[in-house]
N, C-alpha and C. Protein backbone atom coordinates (compact mmCIF):
# COMPACT_ATOMS: atom_id res chain seq x y z
N PRO A 1 -5.52 -22.82 -6.89
CA PRO A 1 -6.55 -21.84 -7.25
C PRO A 1 -7.97 -22.43 -7.20
N GLU A 2 -8.10 -23.69 -7.61
CA GLU A 2 -9.42 -24.32 -7.60
C GLU A 2 -9.97 -24.43 -6.18
N LEU A 3 -9.11 -24.79 -5.24
CA LEU A 3 -9.52 -24.90 -3.84
C LEU A 3 -10.01 -23.56 -3.31
N ILE A 4 -9.28 -22.49 -3.66
CA ILE A 4 -9.67 -21.14 -3.22
C ILE A 4 -11.00 -20.76 -3.86
N SER A 5 -11.14 -20.97 -5.16
CA SER A 5 -12.37 -20.61 -5.88
C SER A 5 -13.56 -21.43 -5.37
N ASP A 6 -13.33 -22.71 -5.13
CA ASP A 6 -14.41 -23.58 -4.65
C ASP A 6 -14.90 -23.18 -3.27
N SER A 7 -14.05 -22.50 -2.49
CA SER A 7 -14.46 -22.07 -1.15
C SER A 7 -15.19 -20.72 -1.20
N GLY A 8 -15.34 -20.15 -2.39
CA GLY A 8 -16.05 -18.88 -2.54
C GLY A 8 -15.15 -17.67 -2.48
N ALA A 9 -13.83 -17.87 -2.40
CA ALA A 9 -12.88 -16.76 -2.38
C ALA A 9 -12.28 -16.56 -3.77
N VAL A 10 -11.57 -15.45 -3.93
CA VAL A 10 -10.95 -15.13 -5.21
C VAL A 10 -9.44 -15.32 -5.10
N PRO A 11 -8.83 -16.10 -5.98
CA PRO A 11 -7.38 -16.30 -5.92
C PRO A 11 -6.61 -15.06 -6.39
N GLY A 12 -5.50 -14.81 -5.73
CA GLY A 12 -4.63 -13.71 -6.12
C GLY A 12 -3.19 -14.06 -5.83
N ILE A 13 -2.27 -13.18 -6.24
CA ILE A 13 -0.85 -13.48 -6.09
C ILE A 13 -0.03 -12.20 -5.92
N LYS A 14 0.97 -12.27 -5.07
CA LYS A 14 1.94 -11.17 -4.91
C LYS A 14 2.88 -11.26 -6.11
N VAL A 15 3.08 -10.14 -6.81
CA VAL A 15 3.86 -10.20 -8.05
C VAL A 15 5.16 -9.41 -8.02
N ASP A 16 5.40 -8.61 -6.95
CA ASP A 16 6.70 -7.93 -6.90
C ASP A 16 7.76 -8.94 -6.50
N THR A 17 9.01 -8.60 -6.75
CA THR A 17 10.11 -9.52 -6.41
C THR A 17 10.89 -9.05 -5.18
N GLY A 18 10.29 -8.14 -4.43
CA GLY A 18 10.89 -7.73 -3.16
C GLY A 18 11.48 -6.34 -3.19
N ALA A 19 11.73 -5.84 -2.00
CA ALA A 19 12.30 -4.50 -1.83
C ALA A 19 13.82 -4.61 -1.83
N LYS A 20 14.45 -3.79 -2.67
CA LYS A 20 15.90 -3.77 -2.78
C LYS A 20 16.40 -2.37 -2.41
N VAL A 21 17.70 -2.22 -2.26
CA VAL A 21 18.29 -0.92 -1.93
C VAL A 21 18.01 0.06 -3.08
N LEU A 22 17.56 1.25 -2.72
CA LEU A 22 17.28 2.30 -3.71
C LEU A 22 18.59 2.98 -4.10
N ALA A 23 18.92 2.95 -5.39
CA ALA A 23 20.15 3.59 -5.87
C ALA A 23 20.16 5.06 -5.49
N ASN A 24 21.28 5.54 -5.01
CA ASN A 24 21.49 6.92 -4.57
C ASN A 24 20.75 7.30 -3.29
N SER A 25 20.15 6.32 -2.64
CA SER A 25 19.57 6.51 -1.31
C SER A 25 19.60 5.16 -0.60
N PRO A 26 20.81 4.69 -0.26
CA PRO A 26 20.99 3.31 0.22
C PRO A 26 20.29 2.95 1.52
N GLU A 27 19.76 3.93 2.25
CA GLU A 27 19.02 3.61 3.47
C GLU A 27 17.54 3.38 3.19
N GLU A 28 17.15 3.54 1.93
CA GLU A 28 15.75 3.35 1.55
C GLU A 28 15.62 2.18 0.58
N LYS A 29 14.36 1.78 0.33
CA LYS A 29 14.09 0.62 -0.52
C LYS A 29 13.24 1.01 -1.73
N ILE A 30 13.43 0.24 -2.80
CA ILE A 30 12.58 0.32 -3.98
C ILE A 30 12.11 -1.10 -4.28
N THR A 31 10.85 -1.24 -4.59
CA THR A 31 10.31 -2.56 -4.91
C THR A 31 10.54 -2.85 -6.38
N GLU A 32 11.06 -4.04 -6.65
CA GLU A 32 11.38 -4.43 -8.02
C GLU A 32 10.44 -5.53 -8.50
N GLY A 33 10.49 -5.79 -9.81
CA GLY A 33 9.70 -6.87 -10.39
C GLY A 33 8.93 -6.49 -11.65
N LEU A 34 9.18 -5.30 -12.19
CA LEU A 34 8.47 -4.88 -13.40
C LEU A 34 8.95 -5.63 -14.65
N ASP A 35 10.24 -5.98 -14.69
CA ASP A 35 10.76 -6.70 -15.86
C ASP A 35 10.06 -8.05 -15.98
N GLY A 36 9.49 -8.31 -17.13
CA GLY A 36 8.82 -9.59 -17.38
C GLY A 36 7.46 -9.73 -16.71
N LEU A 37 6.95 -8.66 -16.10
CA LEU A 37 5.69 -8.74 -15.36
C LEU A 37 4.52 -9.13 -16.26
N ARG A 38 4.41 -8.53 -17.42
CA ARG A 38 3.28 -8.79 -18.31
C ARG A 38 3.18 -10.29 -18.63
N GLU A 39 4.31 -10.91 -18.94
CA GLU A 39 4.32 -12.33 -19.27
C GLU A 39 3.94 -13.18 -18.06
N ARG A 40 4.45 -12.81 -16.87
CA ARG A 40 4.11 -13.54 -15.65
C ARG A 40 2.61 -13.43 -15.37
N LEU A 41 2.06 -12.23 -15.56
CA LEU A 41 0.64 -12.01 -15.28
C LEU A 41 -0.24 -12.87 -16.19
N LYS A 42 0.12 -12.99 -17.45
CA LYS A 42 -0.65 -13.83 -18.36
C LYS A 42 -0.70 -15.27 -17.86
N LEU A 43 0.43 -15.75 -17.37
CA LEU A 43 0.50 -17.10 -16.82
C LEU A 43 -0.36 -17.21 -15.55
N TYR A 44 -0.22 -16.22 -14.64
CA TYR A 44 -0.99 -16.24 -13.39
C TYR A 44 -2.50 -16.23 -13.69
N TYR A 45 -2.90 -15.46 -14.70
CA TYR A 45 -4.32 -15.40 -15.06
C TYR A 45 -4.80 -16.78 -15.52
N LYS A 46 -4.00 -17.43 -16.36
CA LYS A 46 -4.35 -18.78 -16.83
C LYS A 46 -4.46 -19.76 -15.68
N LEU A 47 -3.64 -19.53 -14.65
CA LEU A 47 -3.66 -20.41 -13.48
C LEU A 47 -4.80 -20.09 -12.51
N GLY A 48 -5.52 -18.99 -12.76
CA GLY A 48 -6.70 -18.68 -11.96
C GLY A 48 -6.65 -17.41 -11.13
N ALA A 49 -5.51 -16.71 -11.10
CA ALA A 49 -5.42 -15.48 -10.30
C ALA A 49 -6.29 -14.39 -10.91
N ARG A 50 -6.96 -13.63 -10.04
CA ARG A 50 -7.80 -12.53 -10.50
C ARG A 50 -7.45 -11.21 -9.84
N PHE A 51 -6.54 -11.24 -8.87
CA PHE A 51 -6.00 -10.01 -8.30
C PHE A 51 -4.53 -10.22 -7.99
N THR A 52 -3.82 -9.11 -7.85
CA THR A 52 -2.39 -9.16 -7.57
C THR A 52 -2.06 -8.14 -6.48
N LYS A 53 -0.88 -8.27 -5.92
CA LYS A 53 -0.45 -7.35 -4.87
C LYS A 53 1.00 -6.92 -5.11
N TRP A 54 1.26 -5.65 -4.86
CA TRP A 54 2.60 -5.07 -4.98
C TRP A 54 2.77 -4.09 -3.83
N ARG A 55 3.87 -4.22 -3.08
CA ARG A 55 4.07 -3.41 -1.88
C ARG A 55 5.28 -2.50 -2.05
N GLY A 56 5.06 -1.20 -1.89
CA GLY A 56 6.14 -0.23 -1.83
C GLY A 56 6.33 0.17 -0.37
N VAL A 57 7.57 0.18 0.11
CA VAL A 57 7.80 0.49 1.52
C VAL A 57 8.58 1.80 1.68
N TYR A 58 8.20 2.54 2.72
CA TYR A 58 8.79 3.84 3.01
C TYR A 58 9.13 3.91 4.50
N SER A 59 10.32 4.39 4.81
CA SER A 59 10.74 4.57 6.20
C SER A 59 10.52 6.02 6.61
N ILE A 60 10.28 6.23 7.90
CA ILE A 60 10.18 7.59 8.44
C ILE A 60 11.37 7.85 9.35
N THR A 61 12.13 8.90 9.00
CA THR A 61 13.16 9.47 9.87
C THR A 61 13.09 10.97 9.64
N LYS A 62 14.04 11.70 10.19
CA LYS A 62 14.05 13.15 9.96
C LYS A 62 14.20 13.48 8.48
N LYS A 63 14.93 12.62 7.71
CA LYS A 63 15.13 12.92 6.29
C LYS A 63 14.43 11.96 5.32
N PHE A 64 13.74 10.97 5.85
CA PHE A 64 13.05 10.00 4.99
C PHE A 64 11.57 9.94 5.33
N PRO A 65 10.72 9.57 4.38
CA PRO A 65 11.08 9.15 3.04
C PRO A 65 11.50 10.34 2.18
N SER A 66 12.50 10.09 1.36
CA SER A 66 12.99 11.14 0.47
C SER A 66 12.04 11.31 -0.71
N LYS A 67 12.16 12.42 -1.40
CA LYS A 67 11.38 12.65 -2.62
C LYS A 67 11.67 11.54 -3.64
N LEU A 68 12.95 11.11 -3.68
CA LEU A 68 13.34 10.05 -4.61
C LEU A 68 12.57 8.76 -4.31
N SER A 69 12.51 8.38 -3.05
CA SER A 69 11.80 7.17 -2.65
C SER A 69 10.31 7.29 -2.93
N ILE A 70 9.72 8.42 -2.57
CA ILE A 70 8.29 8.62 -2.78
C ILE A 70 7.95 8.54 -4.26
N HIS A 71 8.74 9.23 -5.09
CA HIS A 71 8.48 9.22 -6.53
C HIS A 71 8.73 7.84 -7.14
N SER A 72 9.86 7.23 -6.80
CA SER A 72 10.24 5.95 -7.43
C SER A 72 9.24 4.85 -7.12
N ASN A 73 8.85 4.74 -5.86
CA ASN A 73 7.90 3.69 -5.49
C ASN A 73 6.51 3.96 -6.05
N ALA A 74 6.08 5.22 -6.07
CA ALA A 74 4.77 5.56 -6.64
C ALA A 74 4.75 5.23 -8.14
N HIS A 75 5.85 5.54 -8.82
CA HIS A 75 5.95 5.26 -10.25
C HIS A 75 5.86 3.74 -10.49
N ALA A 76 6.57 2.96 -9.68
CA ALA A 76 6.54 1.50 -9.84
C ALA A 76 5.15 0.95 -9.55
N LEU A 77 4.49 1.45 -8.51
CA LEU A 77 3.13 1.01 -8.19
C LEU A 77 2.17 1.32 -9.34
N ALA A 78 2.33 2.47 -9.98
CA ALA A 78 1.46 2.85 -11.09
C ALA A 78 1.73 1.99 -12.32
N ARG A 79 2.99 1.76 -12.64
CA ARG A 79 3.30 0.91 -13.80
C ARG A 79 2.78 -0.50 -13.59
N TYR A 80 2.99 -1.01 -12.39
CA TYR A 80 2.46 -2.34 -12.03
C TYR A 80 0.94 -2.38 -12.22
N SER A 81 0.25 -1.38 -11.68
CA SER A 81 -1.21 -1.35 -11.74
C SER A 81 -1.73 -1.32 -13.17
N ALA A 82 -1.09 -0.51 -14.01
CA ALA A 82 -1.51 -0.40 -15.41
C ALA A 82 -1.37 -1.74 -16.13
N ILE A 83 -0.27 -2.43 -15.90
CA ILE A 83 -0.04 -3.72 -16.56
C ILE A 83 -1.04 -4.76 -16.03
N VAL A 84 -1.30 -4.75 -14.73
CA VAL A 84 -2.24 -5.70 -14.14
C VAL A 84 -3.63 -5.50 -14.74
N GLN A 85 -4.09 -4.27 -14.83
CA GLN A 85 -5.40 -4.03 -15.43
C GLN A 85 -5.43 -4.42 -16.90
N GLU A 86 -4.35 -4.18 -17.59
CA GLU A 86 -4.26 -4.61 -18.99
C GLU A 86 -4.46 -6.12 -19.10
N CYS A 87 -4.00 -6.85 -18.09
CA CYS A 87 -4.12 -8.32 -18.08
C CYS A 87 -5.40 -8.79 -17.40
N LYS A 88 -6.37 -7.87 -17.23
CA LYS A 88 -7.71 -8.19 -16.74
C LYS A 88 -7.76 -8.69 -15.30
N MET A 89 -6.89 -8.13 -14.46
CA MET A 89 -6.91 -8.45 -13.05
C MET A 89 -6.99 -7.16 -12.24
N VAL A 90 -7.24 -7.30 -10.94
CA VAL A 90 -7.36 -6.16 -10.04
C VAL A 90 -6.05 -6.00 -9.28
N PRO A 91 -5.44 -4.81 -9.36
CA PRO A 91 -4.22 -4.58 -8.59
C PRO A 91 -4.54 -4.11 -7.16
N ILE A 92 -3.91 -4.75 -6.18
CA ILE A 92 -3.91 -4.20 -4.83
C ILE A 92 -2.67 -3.32 -4.77
N VAL A 93 -2.89 -2.05 -4.48
CA VAL A 93 -1.83 -1.04 -4.46
C VAL A 93 -1.47 -0.79 -3.00
N GLU A 94 -0.23 -1.12 -2.63
CA GLU A 94 0.16 -1.06 -1.22
C GLU A 94 1.34 -0.12 -0.98
N PRO A 95 1.06 1.17 -0.82
CA PRO A 95 2.12 2.08 -0.39
C PRO A 95 2.16 2.07 1.15
N GLU A 96 3.17 1.44 1.72
CA GLU A 96 3.20 1.26 3.16
C GLU A 96 4.31 2.06 3.82
N VAL A 97 3.91 3.02 4.65
CA VAL A 97 4.85 3.74 5.48
C VAL A 97 5.06 2.89 6.73
N LEU A 98 6.29 2.45 6.94
CA LEU A 98 6.58 1.51 8.02
C LEU A 98 6.44 2.14 9.40
N MET A 99 6.09 1.31 10.37
CA MET A 99 5.91 1.81 11.73
C MET A 99 7.21 1.79 12.53
N ASP A 100 8.31 1.32 11.94
CA ASP A 100 9.61 1.32 12.62
C ASP A 100 10.05 2.75 12.88
N GLY A 101 10.60 3.01 14.06
CA GLY A 101 11.13 4.34 14.35
C GLY A 101 10.49 4.95 15.57
N ASN A 102 10.91 6.19 15.85
CA ASN A 102 10.40 6.88 17.05
C ASN A 102 9.58 8.11 16.68
N HIS A 103 9.05 8.14 15.47
CA HIS A 103 8.28 9.30 14.99
C HIS A 103 6.92 9.38 15.69
N ALA A 104 6.39 10.60 15.74
CA ALA A 104 5.06 10.84 16.31
C ALA A 104 3.99 10.48 15.28
N ALA A 105 2.78 10.26 15.75
CA ALA A 105 1.67 9.93 14.86
C ALA A 105 1.43 11.04 13.83
N GLU A 106 1.59 12.30 14.24
CA GLU A 106 1.39 13.42 13.31
C GLU A 106 2.38 13.34 12.15
N GLU A 107 3.62 12.93 12.45
CA GLU A 107 4.61 12.77 11.38
C GLU A 107 4.19 11.64 10.44
N CYS A 108 3.67 10.56 11.00
CA CYS A 108 3.18 9.45 10.18
C CYS A 108 2.03 9.93 9.30
N LEU A 109 1.14 10.73 9.85
CA LEU A 109 0.03 11.29 9.07
C LEU A 109 0.55 12.12 7.90
N ASN A 110 1.50 13.01 8.17
CA ASN A 110 2.05 13.87 7.11
C ASN A 110 2.74 13.07 6.02
N LYS A 111 3.58 12.12 6.43
CA LYS A 111 4.35 11.34 5.44
C LYS A 111 3.43 10.39 4.66
N THR A 112 2.50 9.76 5.36
CA THR A 112 1.58 8.85 4.67
C THR A 112 0.72 9.62 3.67
N SER A 113 0.25 10.79 4.06
CA SER A 113 -0.54 11.62 3.14
C SER A 113 0.26 11.98 1.90
N GLU A 114 1.51 12.36 2.09
CA GLU A 114 2.39 12.71 0.95
C GLU A 114 2.59 11.50 0.04
N VAL A 115 2.81 10.33 0.63
CA VAL A 115 3.04 9.11 -0.14
C VAL A 115 1.79 8.74 -0.94
N ILE A 116 0.63 8.76 -0.30
CA ILE A 116 -0.60 8.37 -0.99
C ILE A 116 -0.95 9.36 -2.11
N LYS A 117 -0.79 10.66 -1.84
CA LYS A 117 -1.07 11.66 -2.89
C LYS A 117 -0.20 11.42 -4.11
N LYS A 118 1.09 11.19 -3.90
CA LYS A 118 2.00 10.95 -5.02
C LYS A 118 1.62 9.67 -5.75
N CYS A 119 1.22 8.67 -5.00
CA CYS A 119 0.82 7.41 -5.60
C CYS A 119 -0.36 7.63 -6.55
N PHE A 120 -1.36 8.39 -6.11
CA PHE A 120 -2.52 8.63 -6.97
C PHE A 120 -2.18 9.55 -8.14
N GLU A 121 -1.25 10.48 -7.97
CA GLU A 121 -0.79 11.27 -9.12
C GLU A 121 -0.23 10.35 -10.20
N GLU A 122 0.59 9.40 -9.80
CA GLU A 122 1.21 8.47 -10.76
C GLU A 122 0.17 7.52 -11.35
N LEU A 123 -0.76 7.04 -10.54
CA LEU A 123 -1.81 6.16 -11.05
C LEU A 123 -2.63 6.88 -12.13
N GLU A 124 -2.97 8.13 -11.87
CA GLU A 124 -3.73 8.90 -12.86
C GLU A 124 -2.91 9.18 -14.11
N LEU A 125 -1.62 9.50 -13.94
CA LEU A 125 -0.74 9.72 -15.08
C LEU A 125 -0.66 8.48 -15.97
N HIS A 126 -0.67 7.30 -15.36
CA HIS A 126 -0.59 6.04 -16.11
C HIS A 126 -1.97 5.54 -16.54
N GLU A 127 -3.00 6.39 -16.36
CA GLU A 127 -4.36 6.10 -16.79
C GLU A 127 -4.91 4.81 -16.21
N VAL A 128 -4.57 4.56 -14.96
CA VAL A 128 -5.11 3.40 -14.25
C VAL A 128 -6.55 3.71 -13.88
N ASP A 129 -7.44 2.76 -14.10
CA ASP A 129 -8.85 2.92 -13.73
C ASP A 129 -8.96 2.78 -12.21
N LEU A 130 -9.15 3.90 -11.53
CA LEU A 130 -9.17 3.90 -10.07
C LEU A 130 -10.36 3.12 -9.50
N SER A 131 -11.40 2.93 -10.30
CA SER A 131 -12.54 2.14 -9.83
C SER A 131 -12.24 0.65 -9.87
N GLY A 132 -11.06 0.29 -10.38
CA GLY A 132 -10.67 -1.11 -10.50
C GLY A 132 -9.42 -1.44 -9.71
N ILE A 133 -9.18 -0.73 -8.60
CA ILE A 133 -8.04 -1.05 -7.74
C ILE A 133 -8.53 -1.20 -6.30
N ILE A 134 -7.69 -1.77 -5.46
CA ILE A 134 -7.90 -1.77 -4.01
C ILE A 134 -6.65 -1.15 -3.41
N LEU A 135 -6.84 -0.19 -2.53
CA LEU A 135 -5.72 0.46 -1.84
C LEU A 135 -5.47 -0.27 -0.52
N LYS A 136 -4.21 -0.54 -0.24
CA LYS A 136 -3.84 -1.19 1.02
C LYS A 136 -2.77 -0.34 1.71
N PRO A 137 -3.18 0.71 2.42
CA PRO A 137 -2.21 1.58 3.09
C PRO A 137 -1.93 1.12 4.51
N ASN A 138 -1.07 1.85 5.19
CA ASN A 138 -0.83 1.63 6.61
C ASN A 138 -1.83 2.45 7.42
N MET A 139 -2.01 2.05 8.67
CA MET A 139 -2.77 2.90 9.60
C MET A 139 -1.84 4.00 10.10
N ILE A 140 -2.42 5.07 10.61
CA ILE A 140 -1.62 6.17 11.13
C ILE A 140 -1.29 5.87 12.59
N LEU A 141 -0.01 5.61 12.84
CA LEU A 141 0.46 5.21 14.16
C LEU A 141 1.70 5.99 14.54
N ALA A 142 1.96 6.10 15.82
CA ALA A 142 3.27 6.57 16.28
C ALA A 142 4.26 5.44 16.00
N GLY A 143 5.53 5.79 15.84
CA GLY A 143 6.55 4.78 15.58
C GLY A 143 6.61 3.74 16.68
N SER A 144 7.06 2.54 16.31
CA SER A 144 7.07 1.43 17.27
C SER A 144 7.93 1.71 18.49
N SER A 145 8.94 2.58 18.35
CA SER A 145 9.79 2.91 19.51
C SER A 145 9.55 4.34 20.01
N ALA A 146 8.43 4.94 19.61
CA ALA A 146 8.11 6.31 20.07
C ALA A 146 7.74 6.31 21.55
N ASP A 147 8.11 7.38 22.23
CA ASP A 147 7.76 7.51 23.65
C ASP A 147 6.26 7.71 23.82
N LYS A 148 5.66 8.49 22.93
CA LYS A 148 4.24 8.82 23.07
C LYS A 148 3.42 8.02 22.07
N LYS A 149 2.61 7.11 22.58
CA LYS A 149 1.68 6.33 21.76
C LYS A 149 0.34 7.05 21.74
N ILE A 150 -0.51 6.67 20.80
CA ILE A 150 -1.85 7.25 20.77
C ILE A 150 -2.88 6.14 20.94
N SER A 151 -4.08 6.52 21.33
CA SER A 151 -5.15 5.55 21.59
C SER A 151 -5.68 4.97 20.28
N ASN A 152 -6.42 3.88 20.40
CA ASN A 152 -7.05 3.27 19.23
C ASN A 152 -8.01 4.25 18.56
N GLU A 153 -8.72 5.04 19.38
CA GLU A 153 -9.64 6.04 18.83
C GLU A 153 -8.89 7.08 18.01
N GLU A 154 -7.72 7.51 18.50
CA GLU A 154 -6.91 8.49 17.75
C GLU A 154 -6.36 7.88 16.48
N ILE A 155 -5.94 6.62 16.54
CA ILE A 155 -5.46 5.92 15.34
C ILE A 155 -6.56 5.91 14.28
N ALA A 156 -7.77 5.54 14.69
CA ALA A 156 -8.90 5.49 13.75
C ALA A 156 -9.19 6.87 13.18
N LYS A 157 -9.21 7.89 14.04
CA LYS A 157 -9.52 9.25 13.60
C LYS A 157 -8.48 9.77 12.60
N LEU A 158 -7.19 9.58 12.90
CA LEU A 158 -6.14 10.06 12.01
C LEU A 158 -6.09 9.26 10.71
N THR A 159 -6.32 7.95 10.79
CA THR A 159 -6.32 7.13 9.57
C THR A 159 -7.45 7.55 8.65
N LEU A 160 -8.63 7.75 9.22
CA LEU A 160 -9.77 8.19 8.42
C LEU A 160 -9.53 9.57 7.81
N LYS A 161 -8.95 10.48 8.60
CA LYS A 161 -8.61 11.82 8.09
C LYS A 161 -7.67 11.70 6.89
N CYS A 162 -6.64 10.88 7.01
CA CYS A 162 -5.68 10.69 5.92
C CYS A 162 -6.38 10.17 4.67
N LEU A 163 -7.21 9.15 4.83
CA LEU A 163 -7.88 8.55 3.67
C LEU A 163 -8.85 9.52 3.01
N LYS A 164 -9.61 10.24 3.81
CA LYS A 164 -10.57 11.20 3.25
C LYS A 164 -9.88 12.30 2.46
N GLU A 165 -8.68 12.69 2.89
CA GLU A 165 -7.97 13.80 2.25
C GLU A 165 -7.10 13.37 1.07
N THR A 166 -6.86 12.06 0.92
CA THR A 166 -5.91 11.65 -0.12
C THR A 166 -6.45 10.65 -1.14
N VAL A 167 -7.51 9.94 -0.81
CA VAL A 167 -7.98 8.87 -1.70
C VAL A 167 -9.15 9.37 -2.53
N PRO A 168 -9.03 9.30 -3.86
CA PRO A 168 -10.13 9.72 -4.73
C PRO A 168 -11.39 8.89 -4.50
N LYS A 169 -12.54 9.50 -4.72
CA LYS A 169 -13.83 8.84 -4.48
C LYS A 169 -14.03 7.61 -5.35
N GLU A 170 -13.36 7.56 -6.49
CA GLU A 170 -13.55 6.42 -7.40
C GLU A 170 -13.04 5.11 -6.84
N VAL A 171 -12.12 5.18 -5.89
CA VAL A 171 -11.51 3.96 -5.34
C VAL A 171 -12.58 3.20 -4.54
N PRO A 172 -12.88 1.95 -4.93
CA PRO A 172 -13.99 1.24 -4.31
C PRO A 172 -13.68 0.61 -2.96
N GLY A 173 -12.40 0.40 -2.66
CA GLY A 173 -12.10 -0.30 -1.41
C GLY A 173 -10.73 0.00 -0.86
N VAL A 174 -10.66 -0.03 0.47
CA VAL A 174 -9.39 0.12 1.19
C VAL A 174 -9.29 -1.09 2.11
N ALA A 175 -8.16 -1.78 2.07
CA ALA A 175 -7.96 -2.98 2.89
C ALA A 175 -6.80 -2.76 3.84
N PHE A 176 -6.91 -3.33 5.02
CA PHE A 176 -5.82 -3.26 6.01
C PHE A 176 -5.44 -4.65 6.47
N LEU A 177 -4.18 -4.83 6.79
CA LEU A 177 -3.72 -5.98 7.56
C LEU A 177 -3.15 -5.42 8.84
N SER A 178 -2.99 -6.25 9.83
CA SER A 178 -2.66 -5.74 11.16
C SER A 178 -1.22 -5.25 11.30
N GLY A 179 -0.30 -5.70 10.46
CA GLY A 179 1.10 -5.27 10.61
C GLY A 179 1.63 -5.63 11.97
N GLY A 180 2.19 -4.65 12.67
CA GLY A 180 2.78 -4.91 13.97
C GLY A 180 1.79 -4.93 15.12
N GLN A 181 0.52 -4.68 14.84
CA GLN A 181 -0.48 -4.69 15.90
C GLN A 181 -0.94 -6.11 16.18
N THR A 182 -1.46 -6.34 17.37
CA THR A 182 -2.08 -7.62 17.65
C THR A 182 -3.40 -7.68 16.89
N GLU A 183 -3.90 -8.89 16.71
CA GLU A 183 -5.18 -9.04 16.00
C GLU A 183 -6.28 -8.28 16.73
N LYS A 184 -6.28 -8.33 18.06
CA LYS A 184 -7.30 -7.63 18.85
C LYS A 184 -7.23 -6.11 18.64
N GLU A 185 -5.99 -5.55 18.66
CA GLU A 185 -5.82 -4.11 18.43
C GLU A 185 -6.27 -3.72 17.03
N ALA A 186 -5.86 -4.51 16.04
CA ALA A 186 -6.21 -4.19 14.65
C ALA A 186 -7.72 -4.25 14.44
N THR A 187 -8.37 -5.26 15.01
CA THR A 187 -9.82 -5.38 14.88
C THR A 187 -10.52 -4.19 15.51
N LYS A 188 -10.06 -3.77 16.68
CA LYS A 188 -10.67 -2.62 17.34
C LYS A 188 -10.49 -1.36 16.49
N ASN A 189 -9.29 -1.15 15.94
CA ASN A 189 -9.03 0.02 15.10
C ASN A 189 -9.91 0.00 13.85
N LEU A 190 -10.04 -1.16 13.22
CA LEU A 190 -10.87 -1.26 12.02
C LEU A 190 -12.33 -0.99 12.34
N ASN A 191 -12.80 -1.50 13.47
CA ASN A 191 -14.19 -1.23 13.87
C ASN A 191 -14.41 0.26 14.07
N LEU A 192 -13.45 0.94 14.67
CA LEU A 192 -13.56 2.38 14.89
C LEU A 192 -13.55 3.14 13.56
N ILE A 193 -12.68 2.72 12.64
CA ILE A 193 -12.61 3.37 11.31
C ILE A 193 -13.93 3.16 10.58
N ASN A 194 -14.49 1.96 10.67
CA ASN A 194 -15.74 1.65 9.95
C ASN A 194 -16.94 2.42 10.49
N LYS A 195 -16.87 2.91 11.72
CA LYS A 195 -17.96 3.73 12.27
C LYS A 195 -18.05 5.02 11.49
């Protein structure tokens, strides 16, 4: 942590314990790690961490993500966020709709919008201070094995549309990582979104 702080960056830590099979929906995942989280966070804070990350994952198929998956992961993200803020750190909230599959970009837009809306419903229910979180969603893409891909400009346009329609104004920041895209593709998409 000292090395990170001395370089002018802020230390943080991933605090979930991974995605496991979701009970009663074995083709989907639920992220675990809430048990003992408060105690772990107190230790991480003492060690220098000032932000944390928790990732909920959602698959797209004709029947997924299910309501169960959307609700369960949003609930876990909200509980995590509330505990993190209680421990004086910033939660990175990562509801990620995976790019695996053959779905169209429009389907990704619809499912991602549903996931993010539910996530913010749960965050508000748990009284999380939205001005003290960072959202880390997926970009809106066609599935990795889809026949019809979309241009970088369309990715930027649809991603921005999704964020404008689902993310409350209080949220101060949205962060992206490239995921399955090359660094060059991701940089181009981010530049287009930032315009």
